[in-house]
Protein backbone atom coordinates (compact mmCIF):
# COMPACT_ATOMS: atom_id res chain seq x y z
CA UNK A 1 108.28 42.43 154.23
CA UNK A 2 106.39 44.05 151.45
CA UNK A 3 108.13 45.56 148.47
CA UNK A 4 107.81 49.24 147.86
CA UNK A 5 107.25 49.73 144.18
CA UNK A 6 108.43 52.97 142.60
CA UNK A 7 105.74 54.49 140.49
CA UNK A 8 107.13 56.32 137.45
CA UNK A 9 106.45 60.01 137.58
CA UNK A 10 105.01 61.08 134.26
CA UNK A 11 104.15 64.62 133.40
CA UNK A 12 101.40 65.21 130.92
CA UNK A 13 102.49 66.58 127.57
CA UNK A 14 100.48 69.74 128.12
CA UNK A 15 102.30 70.49 131.39
CA UNK A 16 105.71 69.98 129.74
CA UNK A 17 104.67 72.29 126.93
CA UNK A 18 103.51 74.90 129.43
CA UNK A 19 106.82 74.68 131.31
CA UNK A 20 108.83 75.12 128.10
CA UNK A 21 106.59 77.99 127.06
CA UNK A 22 107.07 79.73 130.41
CA UNK A 23 110.85 79.25 130.17
CA UNK A 24 110.86 80.64 126.63
CA UNK A 25 108.83 83.70 127.64
CA UNK A 26 110.97 84.28 130.73
CA UNK A 27 114.16 84.38 128.66
CA UNK A 28 112.62 86.53 125.93
CA UNK A 29 111.36 89.12 128.42
CA UNK A 30 114.57 89.19 130.50
CA UNK A 31 116.84 92.14 129.68
CA UNK A 32 119.88 90.25 130.98
CA UNK A 33 119.20 87.27 128.73
CA UNK A 34 118.65 89.58 125.76
CA UNK A 35 121.94 91.39 126.35
CA UNK A 36 123.83 88.16 126.97
CA UNK A 37 122.56 86.43 123.81
CA UNK A 38 123.04 89.41 121.50
CA UNK A 39 126.54 90.13 122.87
CA UNK A 40 127.36 86.42 122.37
CA UNK A 41 126.25 86.75 118.73
CA UNK A 42 128.38 89.89 118.44
CA UNK A 43 131.45 88.02 119.75
CA UNK A 44 130.86 85.04 117.45
CA UNK A 45 130.54 87.24 114.37
CA UNK A 46 133.61 89.25 115.36
CA UNK A 47 135.61 86.04 115.70
CA UNK A 48 134.58 84.77 112.24
CA UNK A 49 135.29 88.20 110.77
CA UNK A 50 138.78 88.21 112.32
CA UNK A 51 139.50 84.72 110.94
CA UNK A 52 138.48 85.84 107.44
CA UNK A 53 140.71 88.92 107.70
CA UNK A 54 143.69 86.88 108.92
CA UNK A 55 143.24 84.42 106.06
CA UNK A 56 143.02 87.30 103.58
CA UNK A 57 146.29 88.75 104.91
CA UNK A 58 147.98 85.33 104.71
CA UNK A 59 146.90 84.90 101.08
CA UNK A 60 148.09 88.41 100.20
CA UNK A 61 151.49 87.77 101.79
CA UNK A 62 151.73 84.41 100.02
CA UNK A 63 150.86 85.59 96.49
CA UNK A 64 150.88 89.42 96.37
CA UNK A 65 151.59 89.48 92.63
CA UNK A 66 148.17 88.15 91.57
CA UNK A 67 146.07 91.16 92.66
CA UNK A 68 142.43 90.74 93.69
CA UNK A 69 141.62 87.13 92.89
CA UNK A 70 138.26 85.47 93.56
CA UNK A 71 139.71 83.86 96.67
CA UNK A 72 140.76 87.21 98.12
CA UNK A 73 137.41 88.83 97.28
CA UNK A 74 135.60 85.93 98.96
CA UNK A 75 137.54 86.37 102.21
CA UNK A 76 137.19 90.17 102.09
CA UNK A 77 133.41 89.89 101.72
CA UNK A 78 133.29 87.38 104.59
CA UNK A 79 135.18 89.90 106.72
CA UNK A 80 132.72 92.68 105.81
CA UNK A 81 129.53 90.61 106.28
CA UNK A 82 130.51 89.22 109.68
CA UNK A 83 131.96 92.55 110.80
CA UNK A 84 128.70 94.38 110.02
CA UNK A 85 126.70 91.71 111.86
CA UNK A 86 129.01 92.07 114.88
CA UNK A 87 128.45 95.84 114.96
CA UNK A 88 124.66 95.47 114.59
CA UNK A 89 124.37 92.99 117.46
CA UNK A 90 126.88 94.91 119.56
CA UNK A 91 124.51 97.91 119.41
CA UNK A 92 121.32 95.83 119.44
CA UNK A 93 119.45 98.13 121.85
CA UNK A 94 119.85 101.11 119.56
CA UNK A 95 119.26 99.08 116.36
CA UNK A 96 115.98 97.41 117.35
CA UNK A 97 114.48 100.67 118.69
CA UNK A 98 115.25 102.81 115.63
CA UNK A 99 112.59 104.81 113.88
CA UNK A 100 111.37 104.45 111.20
CA UNK A 101 111.15 100.65 111.09
CA UNK A 102 112.70 100.65 107.62
CA UNK A 103 116.09 101.48 109.20
CA UNK A 104 115.89 98.34 111.34
CA UNK A 105 115.11 96.26 108.25
CA UNK A 106 118.04 97.80 106.34
CA UNK A 107 120.54 97.02 109.13
CA UNK A 108 119.23 93.46 109.57
CA UNK A 109 118.64 92.53 105.90
CA UNK A 110 121.65 94.16 104.19
CA UNK A 111 124.23 91.77 105.73
CA UNK A 112 122.01 88.87 104.62
CA UNK A 113 122.10 90.12 101.03
CA UNK A 114 125.89 90.54 101.26
CA UNK A 115 126.06 86.98 102.58
CA UNK A 116 124.16 85.87 99.45
CA UNK A 117 126.61 87.72 97.18
CA UNK A 118 129.60 86.29 99.05
CA UNK A 119 128.63 82.65 98.84
CA UNK A 120 127.12 82.70 95.36
CA UNK A 121 130.64 83.72 94.34
CA UNK A 122 131.51 80.07 95.03
CA UNK A 123 128.65 79.00 92.75
CA UNK A 124 130.06 81.23 90.00
CA UNK A 125 133.52 79.76 90.49
CA UNK A 126 132.25 76.16 90.35
CA UNK A 127 130.12 76.96 87.29
CA UNK A 128 133.21 78.32 85.48
CA UNK A 129 135.20 75.18 86.34
CA UNK A 130 132.38 72.89 85.17
CA UNK A 131 131.90 74.77 81.89
CA UNK A 132 135.65 74.82 81.21
CA UNK A 133 135.93 71.08 81.86
CA UNK A 134 133.00 70.44 79.47
CA UNK A 135 134.39 72.87 76.86
CA UNK A 136 131.32 75.07 77.26
CA UNK A 137 131.37 78.89 76.98
CA UNK A 138 132.00 80.75 80.24
CA UNK A 139 131.62 84.35 79.04
CA UNK A 140 128.02 84.78 80.19
CA UNK A 141 128.45 83.30 83.69
CA UNK A 142 129.91 86.44 85.25
CA UNK A 143 127.30 88.55 83.45
CA UNK A 144 124.54 86.39 84.97
CA UNK A 145 126.11 86.63 88.45
CA UNK A 146 126.40 90.44 88.28
CA UNK A 147 122.92 90.83 86.77
CA UNK A 148 121.26 88.69 89.47
CA UNK A 149 123.00 90.62 92.25
CA UNK A 150 122.23 94.04 90.75
CA UNK A 151 118.56 93.09 90.30
CA UNK A 152 118.38 91.75 93.87
CA UNK A 153 119.81 94.93 95.41
CA UNK A 154 117.66 97.16 93.19
CA UNK A 155 114.41 95.42 94.21
CA UNK A 156 115.39 95.39 97.87
CA UNK A 157 116.32 99.10 97.86
CA UNK A 158 112.96 99.90 96.27
CA UNK A 159 111.20 97.99 99.06
CA UNK A 160 113.21 99.84 101.74
CA UNK A 161 112.46 103.23 100.20
CA UNK A 162 108.74 102.47 100.00
CA UNK A 163 108.70 101.33 103.65
CA UNK A 164 110.56 104.51 104.62
CA UNK A 165 107.83 106.61 102.98
CA UNK A 166 104.88 104.41 103.95
CA UNK A 167 105.23 101.72 106.61
CA UNK A 168 102.98 99.22 104.88
CA UNK A 169 102.65 95.71 106.31
CA UNK A 170 101.86 94.23 102.87
CA UNK A 171 105.09 95.64 101.37
CA UNK A 172 107.02 94.35 104.38
CA UNK A 173 105.49 90.92 103.75
CA UNK A 174 106.54 91.13 100.08
CA UNK A 175 110.08 92.04 101.17
CA UNK A 176 110.35 88.94 103.37
CA UNK A 177 108.99 86.68 100.65
CA UNK A 178 111.49 88.21 98.23
CA UNK A 179 114.43 87.37 100.56
CA UNK A 180 113.05 83.84 100.97
CA UNK A 181 112.95 83.43 97.16
CA UNK A 182 116.52 84.75 96.87
CA UNK A 183 117.64 82.22 99.49
CA UNK A 184 116.02 79.27 97.72
CA UNK A 185 117.68 80.36 94.44
CA UNK A 186 121.07 80.32 96.18
CA UNK A 187 120.34 76.86 97.60
CA UNK A 188 119.41 75.57 94.13
CA UNK A 189 122.58 77.11 92.68
CA UNK A 190 124.73 75.19 95.14
CA UNK A 191 122.76 72.02 94.54
CA UNK A 192 123.06 72.23 90.73
CA UNK A 193 126.67 73.31 90.21
CA UNK A 194 128.09 71.85 93.41
CA UNK A 195 126.42 68.54 92.57
CA UNK A 196 127.60 68.62 88.94
CA UNK A 197 131.20 69.34 89.94
CA UNK A 198 131.10 66.68 92.66
CA UNK A 199 129.93 63.94 90.29
CA UNK A 200 132.34 65.09 87.59
CA UNK A 201 135.25 64.73 90.02
CA UNK A 202 133.85 61.42 91.24
CA UNK A 203 133.82 60.00 87.69
CA UNK A 204 137.38 61.14 87.11
CA UNK A 205 139.40 57.98 86.29
CA UNK A 206 142.70 58.86 87.98
CA UNK A 207 142.84 58.34 91.75
CA UNK A 208 145.01 60.85 93.62
CA UNK A 209 145.25 62.58 96.98
CA UNK A 210 144.39 65.94 95.42
CA UNK A 211 141.26 64.50 93.79
CA UNK A 212 140.05 63.00 97.07
CA UNK A 213 140.62 66.25 98.93
CA UNK A 214 138.85 68.31 96.29
CA UNK A 215 135.95 65.82 96.21
CA UNK A 216 135.57 66.14 99.98
CA UNK A 217 135.88 69.95 99.78
CA UNK A 218 133.23 70.40 97.07
CA UNK A 219 130.84 67.92 98.69
CA UNK A 220 131.16 69.47 102.16
CA UNK A 221 130.79 73.09 101.04
CA UNK A 222 127.81 72.19 98.83
CA UNK A 223 126.01 70.41 101.69
CA UNK A 224 126.73 73.21 104.19
CA UNK A 225 125.66 76.09 101.94
CA UNK A 226 122.61 74.30 100.53
CA UNK A 227 121.40 73.53 104.07
CA UNK A 228 121.97 77.03 105.46
CA UNK A 229 120.16 78.77 102.58
CA UNK A 230 117.30 76.27 102.78
CA UNK A 231 116.89 76.94 106.52
CA UNK A 232 117.04 80.70 105.86
CA UNK A 233 114.28 80.39 103.26
CA UNK A 234 112.03 78.37 105.58
CA UNK A 235 112.47 80.62 108.65
CA UNK A 236 112.02 83.90 106.75
CA UNK A 237 108.94 82.55 104.97
CA UNK A 238 107.52 81.42 108.32
CA UNK A 239 108.26 84.79 109.98
CA UNK A 240 106.44 86.56 107.16
CA UNK A 241 103.14 84.98 108.25
CA UNK A 242 103.75 84.36 111.98
CA UNK A 243 104.61 87.30 114.25
CA UNK A 244 105.84 84.92 116.96
CA UNK A 245 108.64 83.78 114.61
CA UNK A 246 109.76 87.32 113.74
CA UNK A 247 113.52 88.00 113.82
CA UNK A 248 113.27 91.79 113.62
CA UNK A 249 112.36 92.35 117.27
CA UNK A 250 114.38 92.64 120.47
CA UNK A 251 112.31 90.22 122.55
CA UNK A 252 113.10 87.10 120.49
CA UNK A 253 116.76 86.57 121.48
CA UNK A 254 116.66 82.76 121.59
CA UNK A 255 115.15 82.54 118.11
CA UNK A 256 117.78 85.00 116.83
CA UNK A 257 120.55 82.94 118.44
CA UNK A 258 119.39 79.67 116.85
CA UNK A 259 118.70 81.26 113.47
CA UNK A 260 121.95 83.18 113.03
CA UNK A 261 124.07 80.35 114.39
CA UNK A 262 122.56 77.90 111.88
CA UNK A 263 122.41 80.09 108.76
CA UNK A 264 125.50 82.33 109.04
CA UNK A 265 127.97 81.79 111.89
CA UNK A 266 128.46 78.00 111.71
CA UNK A 267 128.36 77.82 107.87
CA UNK A 268 130.89 80.68 107.57
CA UNK A 269 133.22 79.14 110.13
CA UNK A 270 133.04 75.68 108.51
CA UNK A 271 133.56 76.98 104.96
CA UNK A 272 136.52 79.12 106.04
CA UNK A 273 138.01 76.07 107.74
CA UNK A 274 137.50 73.85 104.68
CA UNK A 275 138.97 76.48 102.32
CA UNK A 276 141.87 77.32 104.63
CA UNK A 277 144.54 75.99 102.25
CA UNK A 278 146.81 78.71 100.88
CA UNK A 279 147.50 78.95 97.14
CA UNK A 280 150.82 77.53 95.89
CA UNK A 281 153.73 79.94 96.06
CA UNK A 282 155.51 81.15 92.90
CA UNK A 283 153.63 78.80 90.57
CA UNK A 284 151.71 81.24 88.44
CA UNK A 285 150.71 78.67 85.81
CA UNK A 286 148.92 76.56 88.40
CA UNK A 287 147.29 79.23 90.54
CA UNK A 288 143.76 80.43 89.88
CA UNK A 289 141.37 82.11 92.31
CA UNK A 290 140.07 79.32 94.54
CA UNK A 291 140.60 76.91 91.63
CA UNK A 292 143.55 74.80 92.88
CA UNK A 293 142.95 71.18 91.93
CA UNK A 294 139.92 71.11 89.62
CA UNK A 295 141.51 72.94 86.69
CA UNK A 296 144.83 71.17 87.24
CA UNK A 297 143.09 67.78 87.19
CA UNK A 298 141.39 68.59 83.87
CA UNK A 299 144.71 69.73 82.38
CA UNK A 300 146.44 66.62 83.70
CA UNK A 301 143.76 64.42 82.17
CA UNK A 302 144.16 66.10 78.77
CA UNK A 303 147.94 65.75 78.98
CA UNK A 304 147.74 62.05 79.78
CA UNK A 305 145.28 61.42 76.97
CA UNK A 306 147.64 63.16 74.60
CA UNK A 307 150.57 61.12 75.91
CA UNK A 308 148.92 57.76 75.33
CA UNK A 309 147.48 58.46 71.88
CA UNK A 310 149.18 56.55 69.01
CA UNK A 311 151.65 58.75 67.20
CA UNK A 312 151.47 58.89 63.40
CA UNK A 313 155.16 59.78 62.95
CA UNK A 314 156.18 56.10 62.82
CA UNK A 315 154.94 55.77 59.26
CA UNK A 316 157.05 58.79 58.34
CA UNK A 317 160.07 57.30 60.06
CA UNK A 318 159.50 54.03 58.24
CA UNK A 319 159.30 55.69 54.84
CA UNK A 320 162.42 57.69 55.65
CA UNK A 321 164.35 54.53 56.56
CA UNK A 322 163.14 52.82 53.39
CA UNK A 323 164.35 55.81 51.36
CA UNK A 324 167.76 55.61 53.02
CA UNK A 325 167.98 51.88 52.18
CA UNK A 326 167.19 52.55 48.53
CA UNK A 327 169.81 55.32 48.36
CA UNK A 328 172.46 53.02 49.85
CA UNK A 329 171.60 50.34 47.25
CA UNK A 330 172.00 52.84 44.42
CA UNK A 331 175.33 53.98 45.83
CA UNK A 332 176.57 50.41 45.95
CA UNK A 333 175.39 49.84 42.41
């Protein structure tokens, strides 16, 4: 009996590409797929926003006496950013069909700018810790943070106002490039100060559980935020020159799903999970906004150095004892 050989069925690469392209177009043009994807994004953002609000309430109940710390502001801004995104995608049909087009750009770009302000707050916090540990001045760090954010919002508002008056494609292109530049600056900020703090903690001589946890925390948050801002920069820069990669239209739901999941939803959820630890209760000397272990480790190091330094009082004690011996000899005499 002859053997029946099975011939492998191979599809040409062009046919596979055509099939994927047809599937992509079918989903993009389907109203049901559009509604399903945008409502899924709305639900995901609402969930992250609720988690941030719950964490904010837990921190406030734990340490109400400290007022608005950096940790509380960070969670509040996470709640606002994700809540606004949830509302925008919940009303996606009305948002994407607004006139003029500048309104659509405002509703889609403003949460992205707030996301920048929220997460560069971590860069500011790490920069303050690094400068304090190196005995460097920290006065200008907050000024730089506020100045960068004010300049960013001012330039972006000017672009929106110009587009409202004159819907110019060149100005819209400049606006996208500007957001891409802002994103790469945020990525570099995380790389510089997150990397510096990570290696500073890694070189720390004393091994402890708190040090290991803080090392893992700083390294993980740095990698997550650097990656998400880098992806944001690349996609926005690409969409500025390729209309097929545009995120500001209703008929690109799959691209919107992938983009917002990678650059906002997953990073926010992971960072909130990593920073879920509550501040210590009733220990005012040890609690700082999001600082926890880094500042305590530096203080502990200084304390231990001071403990093991040779003390000069021994010479004084010796001279005092010699004086007592001489006095006793005179008394005997």
